[in-house]
C-alpha atoms as a PDB file:
ATOM      1  CA  MET A   1     -50.932  21.582 -36.026  1.00  0.00           C
ATOM      2  CA  ALA A   2     -52.313  18.427 -37.732  1.00  0.00           C
ATOM      3  CA  ASN A   3     -49.968  18.719 -40.603  1.00  0.00           C
ATOM      4  CA  ALA A   4     -47.109  18.781 -38.146  1.00  0.00           C
ATOM      5  CA  GLN A   5     -48.252  15.701 -36.315  1.00  0.00           C
ATOM      6  CA  ASN A   6     -48.667  13.981 -39.881  1.00  0.00           C
ATOM      7  CA  LEU A   7     -45.087  15.047 -40.768  1.00  0.00           C
ATOM      8  CA  GLN A   8     -43.832  13.602 -37.479  1.00  0.00           C
ATOM      9  CA  THR A   9     -45.694  10.382 -38.060  1.00  0.00           C
ATOM     10  CA  LYS A  10     -44.064  10.063 -41.665  1.00  0.00           C
ATOM     11  CA  ILE A  11     -40.678  10.822 -40.278  1.00  0.00           C
ATOM     12  CA  SER A  12     -41.018   8.366 -37.532  1.00  0.00           C
ATOM     13  CA  PHE A  13     -42.186   5.506 -39.742  1.00  0.00           C
ATOM     14  CA  ALA A  14     -39.470   6.163 -42.225  1.00  0.00           C
ATOM     15  CA  SER A  15     -36.802   5.973 -39.553  1.00  0.00           C
ATOM     16  CA  LEU A  16     -37.843   2.447 -38.394  1.00  0.00           C
ATOM     17  CA  PRO A  17     -35.115  -0.075 -38.739  1.00  0.00           C
ATOM     18  CA  ARG A  18     -35.412  -2.470 -41.680  1.00  0.00           C
ATOM     19  CA  GLU A  19     -34.976  -5.269 -39.316  1.00  0.00           C
ATOM     20  CA  LEU A  20     -37.922  -4.213 -37.195  1.00  0.00           C
ATOM     21  CA  VAL A  21     -40.149  -3.814 -40.289  1.00  0.00           C
ATOM     22  CA  SER A  22     -39.025  -7.086 -41.715  1.00  0.00           C
ATOM     23  CA  GLU A  23     -39.801  -8.889 -38.411  1.00  0.00           C
ATOM     24  CA  VAL A  24     -43.321  -7.355 -38.372  1.00  0.00           C
ATOM     25  CA  LEU A  25     -44.029  -8.495 -41.819  1.00  0.00           C
ATOM     26  CA  ALA A  26     -42.614 -12.002 -41.321  1.00  0.00           C
ATOM     27  CA  ARG A  27     -45.149 -12.400 -38.390  1.00  0.00           C
ATOM     28  CA  VAL A  28     -47.876 -11.230 -41.011  1.00  0.00           C
ATOM     29  CA  ALA A  29     -46.638 -13.882 -43.266  1.00  0.00           C
ATOM     30  CA  ALA A  30     -46.539 -16.525 -40.743  1.00  0.00           C
ATOM     31  CA  TYR A  31     -50.257 -15.785 -40.003  1.00  0.00           C
ATOM     32  CA  SER A  32     -51.569 -15.345 -43.655  1.00  0.00           C
ATOM     33  CA  SER A  33     -49.967 -15.126 -47.121  1.00  0.00           C
ATOM     34  CA  THR A  34     -52.894 -13.312 -48.203  1.00  0.00           C
ATOM     35  CA  ASP A  35     -52.401 -10.622 -45.693  1.00  0.00           C
ATOM     36  CA  LEU A  36     -48.728 -10.293 -46.726  1.00  0.00           C
ATOM     37  CA  PHE A  37     -49.652  -9.760 -50.219  1.00  0.00           C
ATOM     38  CA  ARG A  38     -52.071  -7.057 -49.356  1.00  0.00           C
ATOM     39  CA  THR A  39     -49.421  -5.488 -47.102  1.00  0.00           C
ATOM     40  CA  LYS A  40     -47.002  -5.294 -50.023  1.00  0.00           C
ATOM     41  CA  LEU A  41     -49.440  -3.059 -51.741  1.00  0.00           C
ATOM     42  CA  CYS A  42     -49.868  -0.550 -49.160  1.00  0.00           C
ATOM     43  CA  CYS A  43     -46.344   1.348 -49.822  1.00  0.00           C
ATOM     44  CA  LYS A  44     -42.999   0.915 -51.588  1.00  0.00           C
ATOM     45  CA  ARG A  45     -41.139   0.230 -48.299  1.00  0.00           C
ATOM     46  CA  PHE A  46     -43.438  -2.654 -47.403  1.00  0.00           C
ATOM     47  CA  ALA A  47     -43.049  -4.210 -51.064  1.00  0.00           C
ATOM     48  CA  ASP A  48     -39.335  -3.849 -50.734  1.00  0.00           C
ATOM     49  CA  VAL A  49     -38.845  -5.327 -47.150  1.00  0.00           C
ATOM     50  CA  ALA A  50     -41.339  -8.049 -47.940  1.00  0.00           C
ATOM     51  CA  GLU A  51     -38.811  -9.545 -50.279  1.00  0.00           C
ATOM     52  CA  ASP A  52     -36.398 -10.332 -47.599  1.00  0.00           C
ATOM     53  CA  ASN A  53     -35.515 -13.957 -46.968  1.00  0.00           C
ATOM     54  CA  ARG A  54     -36.753 -14.079 -43.450  1.00  0.00           C
ATOM     55  CA  VAL A  55     -40.347 -13.051 -44.661  1.00  0.00           C
ATOM     56  CA  TYR A  56     -40.369 -15.836 -47.147  1.00  0.00           C
ATOM     57  CA  GLN A  57     -38.990 -18.370 -44.847  1.00  0.00           C
ATOM     58  CA  ARG A  58     -41.948 -17.898 -42.517  1.00  0.00           C
ATOM     59  CA  VAL A  59     -44.836 -17.391 -44.944  1.00  0.00           C
ATOM     60  CA  SER A  60     -47.928 -19.474 -44.255  1.00  0.00           C
ATOM     61  CA  LEU A  61     -48.711 -22.059 -46.931  1.00  0.00           C
ATOM     62  CA  ALA A  62     -52.226 -22.866 -45.705  1.00  0.00           C
ATOM     63  CA  LYS A  63     -54.038 -21.408 -48.695  1.00  0.00           C
ATOM     64  CA  PHE A  64     -51.790 -22.951 -51.244  1.00  0.00           C
ATOM     65  CA  ASP A  65     -52.932 -26.288 -52.932  1.00  0.00           C
ATOM     66  CA  ILE A  66     -50.278 -28.897 -52.702  1.00  0.00           C
ATOM     67  CA  VAL A  67     -50.926 -31.524 -55.217  1.00  0.00           C
ATOM     68  CA  PRO A  68     -51.470 -29.609 -58.641  1.00  0.00           C
ATOM     69  CA  TRP A  69     -48.172 -27.941 -58.358  1.00  0.00           C
ATOM     70  CA  ARG A  70     -45.601 -29.959 -60.059  1.00  0.00           C
ATOM     71  CA  LYS A  71     -42.768 -27.864 -59.141  1.00  0.00           C
ATOM     72  CA  ASN A  72     -43.566 -27.606 -55.427  1.00  0.00           C
ATOM     73  CA  PRO A  73     -41.015 -29.013 -53.163  1.00  0.00           C
ATOM     74  CA  LYS A  74     -43.465 -30.923 -51.209  1.00  0.00           C
ATOM     75  CA  VAL A  75     -44.508 -32.793 -54.228  1.00  0.00           C
ATOM     76  CA  SER A  76     -41.000 -34.431 -54.619  1.00  0.00           C
ATOM     77  CA  ILE A  77     -40.791 -35.773 -51.092  1.00  0.00           C
ATOM     78  CA  GLY A  78     -41.243 -39.240 -52.294  1.00  0.00           C
ATOM     79  CA  LYS A  79     -38.601 -38.966 -54.876  1.00  0.00           C
ATOM     80  CA  ASN A  80     -35.969 -37.352 -52.771  1.00  0.00           C
ATOM     81  CA  VAL A  81     -36.998 -37.972 -48.964  1.00  0.00           C
ATOM     82  CA  GLU A  82     -33.503 -36.921 -47.654  1.00  0.00           C
ATOM     83  CA  SER A  83     -33.442 -33.644 -49.625  1.00  0.00           C
ATOM     84  CA  ALA A  84     -37.121 -33.190 -48.439  1.00  0.00           C
ATOM     85  CA  LEU A  85     -36.230 -33.693 -44.874  1.00  0.00           C
ATOM     86  CA  GLN A  86     -33.389 -31.504 -45.002  1.00  0.00           C
ATOM     87  CA  ARG A  87     -35.464 -28.482 -46.297  1.00  0.00           C
ATOM     88  CA  VAL A  88     -38.028 -29.138 -43.611  1.00  0.00           C
ATOM     89  CA  GLU A  89     -35.167 -28.952 -40.971  1.00  0.00           C
ATOM     90  CA  GLU A  90     -33.885 -25.672 -42.517  1.00  0.00           C
ATOM     91  CA  ALA A  91     -37.308 -24.194 -42.343  1.00  0.00           C
ATOM     92  CA  ALA A  92     -37.611 -25.292 -38.821  1.00  0.00           C
ATOM     93  CA  LYS A  93     -34.307 -23.760 -37.946  1.00  0.00           C
ATOM     94  CA  ALA A  94     -35.194 -20.593 -39.607  1.00  0.00           C
ATOM     95  CA  GLY A  95     -38.087 -20.092 -37.308  1.00  0.00           C
ATOM     96  CA  HIS A  96     -40.951 -21.439 -39.363  1.00  0.00           C
ATOM     97  CA  ASP A  97     -43.326 -23.050 -36.523  1.00  0.00           C
ATOM     98  CA  GLU A  98     -45.254 -25.043 -38.794  1.00  0.00           C
ATOM     99  CA  ALA A  99     -42.470 -26.746 -40.267  1.00  0.00           C
ATOM    100  CA  ALA A 100     -40.988 -27.406 -36.669  1.00  0.00           C
ATOM    101  CA  TYR A 101     -44.444 -29.048 -36.056  1.00  0.00           C
ATOM    102  CA  ALA A 102     -44.211 -31.267 -39.104  1.00  0.00           C
ATOM    103  CA  LEU A 103     -40.557 -32.190 -38.317  1.00  0.00           C
ATOM    104  CA  ALA A 104     -41.721 -33.234 -34.720  1.00  0.00           C
ATOM    105  CA  VAL A 105     -44.252 -35.512 -36.199  1.00  0.00           C
ATOM    106  CA  ILE A 106     -41.809 -36.915 -38.635  1.00  0.00           C
ATOM    107  CA  PHE A 107     -39.388 -37.617 -35.794  1.00  0.00           C
ATOM    108  CA  VAL A 108     -42.266 -39.532 -33.802  1.00  0.00           C
ATOM    109  CA  PHE A 109     -42.601 -41.890 -36.673  1.00  0.00           C
ATOM    110  CA  GLY A 110     -38.803 -42.155 -37.005  1.00  0.00           C
ATOM    111  CA  GLY A 111     -38.000 -44.849 -34.526  1.00  0.00           C
ATOM    112  CA  GLU A 112     -37.010 -44.855 -30.642  1.00  0.00           C
ATOM    113  CA  GLU A 113     -34.208 -42.313 -31.017  1.00  0.00           C
ATOM    114  CA  LEU A 114     -35.950 -39.719 -32.974  1.00  0.00           C
ATOM    115  CA  LYS A 115     -39.396 -40.365 -31.309  1.00  0.00           C
ATOM    116  CA  HIS A 116     -38.315 -38.856 -27.976  1.00  0.00           C
ATOM    117  CA  LYS A 117     -37.043 -35.766 -29.631  1.00  0.00           C
ATOM    118  CA  GLY A 118     -40.295 -35.450 -31.420  1.00  0.00           C
ATOM    119  CA  MET A 119     -42.170 -35.946 -28.306  1.00  0.00           C
ATOM    120  CA  ALA A 120     -40.251 -33.108 -26.449  1.00  0.00           C
ATOM    121  CA  MET A 121     -40.871 -30.850 -29.450  1.00  0.00           C
ATOM    122  CA  LEU A 122     -44.751 -31.462 -29.541  1.00  0.00           C
ATOM    123  CA  SER A 123     -44.965 -31.049 -25.687  1.00  0.00           C
ATOM    124  CA  GLY A 124     -43.173 -27.676 -25.988  1.00  0.00           C
ATOM    125  CA  MET A 125     -45.813 -26.340 -28.339  1.00  0.00           C
ATOM    126  CA  LYS A 126     -48.832 -26.767 -26.079  1.00  0.00           C
ATOM    127  CA  LYS A 127     -48.184 -24.531 -23.068  1.00  0.00           C
ATOM    128  CA  SER A 128     -51.144 -22.277 -23.637  1.00  0.00           C
ATOM    129  CA  ALA A 129     -54.485 -22.178 -25.257  1.00  0.00           C
ATOM    130  CA  ALA A 130     -53.219 -19.877 -27.909  1.00  0.00           C
ATOM    131  CA  GLN A 131     -50.178 -22.419 -28.697  1.00  0.00           C
ATOM    132  CA  ARG A 132     -52.872 -25.317 -28.909  1.00  0.00           C
ATOM    133  CA  GLN A 133     -54.776 -23.270 -31.316  1.00  0.00           C
ATOM    134  CA  ARG A 134     -51.795 -22.954 -33.567  1.00  0.00           C
ATOM    135  CA  VAL A 135     -51.058 -26.599 -33.264  1.00  0.00           C
ATOM    136  CA  LYS A 136     -54.554 -27.532 -34.100  1.00  0.00           C
ATOM    137  CA  GLU A 137     -54.363 -25.395 -37.304  1.00  0.00           C
ATOM    138  CA  TRP A 138     -50.961 -27.056 -38.287  1.00  0.00           C
ATOM    139  CA  ARG A 139     -52.487 -30.473 -37.774  1.00  0.00           C
ATOM    140  CA  ASP A 140     -55.495 -29.910 -39.611  1.00  0.00           C
ATOM    141  CA  ASN A 141     -53.443 -28.588 -42.419  1.00  0.00           C
ATOM    142  CA  LEU A 142     -51.075 -31.647 -42.290  1.00  0.00           C
ATOM    143  CA  ARG A 143     -54.160 -34.105 -42.365  1.00  0.00           C
ATOM    144  CA  ARG A 144     -55.509 -32.194 -45.313  1.00  0.00           C
ATOM    145  CA  ILE A 145     -52.081 -32.654 -47.136  1.00  0.00           C
ATOM    146  CA  LEU A 146     -51.869 -36.228 -46.170  1.00  0.00           C
ATOM    147  CA  LYS A 147     -55.334 -37.097 -47.658  1.00  0.00           C
ATOM    148  CA  MET A 148     -54.354 -35.635 -51.012  1.00  0.00           C
ATOM    149  CA  ILE A 149     -51.078 -37.485 -51.348  1.00  0.00           C
ATOM    150  CA  TRP A 150     -50.188 -40.968 -51.902  1.00  0.00           C
ATOM    151  CA  VAL A 151     -48.447 -42.416 -48.808  1.00  0.00           C
ATOM    152  CA  GLN A 152     -46.234 -45.411 -49.519  1.00  0.00           C
ATOM    153  CA  ASN A 153     -43.855 -45.410 -46.595  1.00  0.00           C
ATOM    154  CA  SER A 154     -44.246 -48.881 -44.939  1.00  0.00           C
ATOM    155  CA  LEU A 155     -42.637 -47.499 -41.734  1.00  0.00           C
ATOM    156  CA  VAL A 156     -45.384 -45.137 -41.336  1.00  0.00           C
ATOM    157  CA  LEU A 157     -48.275 -47.250 -42.580  1.00  0.00           C
ATOM    158  CA  GLY A 158     -47.270 -50.414 -40.746  1.00  0.00           C
ATOM    159  CA  LYS A 159     -47.656 -49.412 -37.088  1.00  0.00           C
ATOM    160  CA  ARG A 160     -49.208 -46.535 -35.009  1.00  0.00           C
ATOM    161  CA  PRO A 161     -46.365 -44.984 -32.863  1.00  0.00           C
ATOM    162  CA  ILE A 162     -46.675 -45.566 -29.105  1.00  0.00           C
ATOM    163  CA  CYS A 163     -45.173 -42.853 -27.110  1.00  0.00           C
ATOM    164  CA  CYS A 164     -46.368 -43.866 -23.491  1.00  0.00           C
ATOM    165  CA  ALA A 165     -46.012 -47.618 -22.534  1.00  0.00           C
ATOM    166  CA  SER A 166     -47.586 -46.804 -18.937  1.00  0.00           C
ATOM    167  CA  GLN A 167     -51.216 -47.633 -18.224  1.00  0.00           C
ATOM    168  CA  HIS A 168     -52.355 -44.084 -17.905  1.00  0.00           C
ATOM    169  CA  LYS A 169     -55.984 -43.029 -18.539  1.00  0.00           C
ATOM    170  CA  ARG A 170     -55.920 -41.388 -21.702  1.00  0.00           C
ATOM    171  CA  LYS A 171     -58.282 -38.934 -23.482  1.00  0.00           C
ATOM    172  CA  THR A 172     -59.906 -40.419 -26.591  1.00  0.00           C
ATOM    173  CA  GLY A 173     -60.901 -38.468 -29.564  1.00  0.00           C
ATOM    174  CA  TRP A 174     -60.409 -34.788 -30.274  1.00  0.00           C
ATOM    175  CA  GLY A 175     -63.358 -32.422 -30.239  1.00  0.00           C
ATOM    176  CA  PRO A 176     -64.233 -28.688 -30.170  1.00  0.00           C
ATOM    177  CA  ASN A 177     -63.269 -28.252 -26.496  1.00  0.00           C
ATOM    178  CA  GLU A 178     -59.748 -29.615 -26.899  1.00  0.00           C
ATOM    179  CA  LEU A 179     -58.183 -26.154 -26.705  1.00  0.00           C
ATOM    180  CA  ASP A 180     -59.625 -25.691 -23.121  1.00  0.00           C
ATOM    181  CA  ALA A 181     -58.723 -29.066 -22.160  1.00  0.00           C
ATOM    182  CA  VAL A 182     -56.053 -29.486 -19.496  1.00  0.00           C
ATOM    183  CA  GLU A 183     -52.861 -31.174 -20.876  1.00  0.00           C
ATOM    184  CA  SER A 184     -51.644 -34.487 -19.688  1.00  0.00           C
ATOM    185  CA  THR A 185     -48.908 -34.098 -17.383  1.00  0.00           C
ATOM    186  CA  CYS A 186     -47.397 -37.392 -19.063  1.00  0.00           C
ATOM    187  CA  GLU A 187     -45.427 -36.217 -22.228  1.00  0.00           C
ATOM    188  CA  GLY A 188     -45.888 -39.574 -23.736  1.00  0.00           C
ATOM    189  CA  CYS A 189     -49.648 -39.605 -23.366  1.00  0.00           C
ATOM    190  CA  THR A 190     -49.846 -35.988 -24.658  1.00  0.00           C
ATOM    191  CA  CYS A 191     -47.884 -37.082 -27.796  1.00  0.00           C
ATOM    192  CA  ASP A 192     -50.310 -40.177 -28.340  1.00  0.00           C
ATOM    193  CA  GLU A 193     -53.218 -37.879 -28.044  1.00  0.00           C
ATOM    194  CA  LYS A 194     -51.947 -35.468 -30.559  1.00  0.00           C
ATOM    195  CA  ILE A 195     -50.460 -37.984 -33.063  1.00  0.00           C
ATOM    196  CA  GLY A 196     -53.658 -40.054 -33.110  1.00  0.00           C
ATOM    197  CA  PRO A 197     -55.327 -37.592 -35.768  1.00  0.00           C
ATOM    198  CA  ILE A 198     -52.411 -37.803 -37.823  1.00  0.00           C
ATOM    199  CA  CYS A 199     -52.577 -41.469 -37.999  1.00  0.00           C
ATOM    200  CA  ASP A 200     -56.249 -41.575 -38.678  1.00  0.00           C
ATOM    201  CA  ALA A 201     -55.559 -39.503 -41.974  1.00  0.00           C
ATOM    202  CA  LEU A 202     -53.011 -42.284 -43.092  1.00  0.00           C
ATOM    203  CA  PRO A 203     -54.378 -45.207 -45.330  1.00  0.00           C
ATOM    204  CA  GLN A 204     -54.415 -48.704 -44.168  1.00  0.00           C
ATOM    205  CA  ILE A 205     -52.765 -47.996 -40.670  1.00  0.00           C
ATOM    206  CA  ALA A 206     -52.768 -50.811 -38.202  1.00  0.00           C
ATOM    207  CA  VAL A 207     -53.716 -49.984 -34.722  1.00  0.00           C
END
């Protein structure tokens, strides 16, 4: 009886559509690159499907060092800003959530027209405690990167973007209880609260 059940399990697993297995592995990749590599060692099918573009497009880069890699695309941002921004946009459109967060932050610093687009993107990422946890992880990773690279863009260093011009009571700082905090009903205030830690990671920024 046990052998029959095992046989059915194997047949069921083998019959799973490649698209479904790819989506599962893509979600694993988005959570942890280490878990993805370990999953590839489980069986030949995982190793094969894990090579799909949709998996690598969503892989988390949190455990990869940025600065020492001379061929990493992120290192060349200062040399070719337009090309780097295009790659971030492509990654965001492909479903890479962390790239979408980085793009939203870039938009906030991009002037009035792009700022409102970035504000809307950031506001849509914080509807639940789970989403706020993910945003916090992306923010911490972005702060880590900013502290390791040489930021020269005068548009970024010259002025902290202000998303809300109204005199609303704002939350100051960001502590361990921020995940349980009630988000501001003002989209601009929410953006100002979330962009502050990014500004704090930049050198010589004027408040």
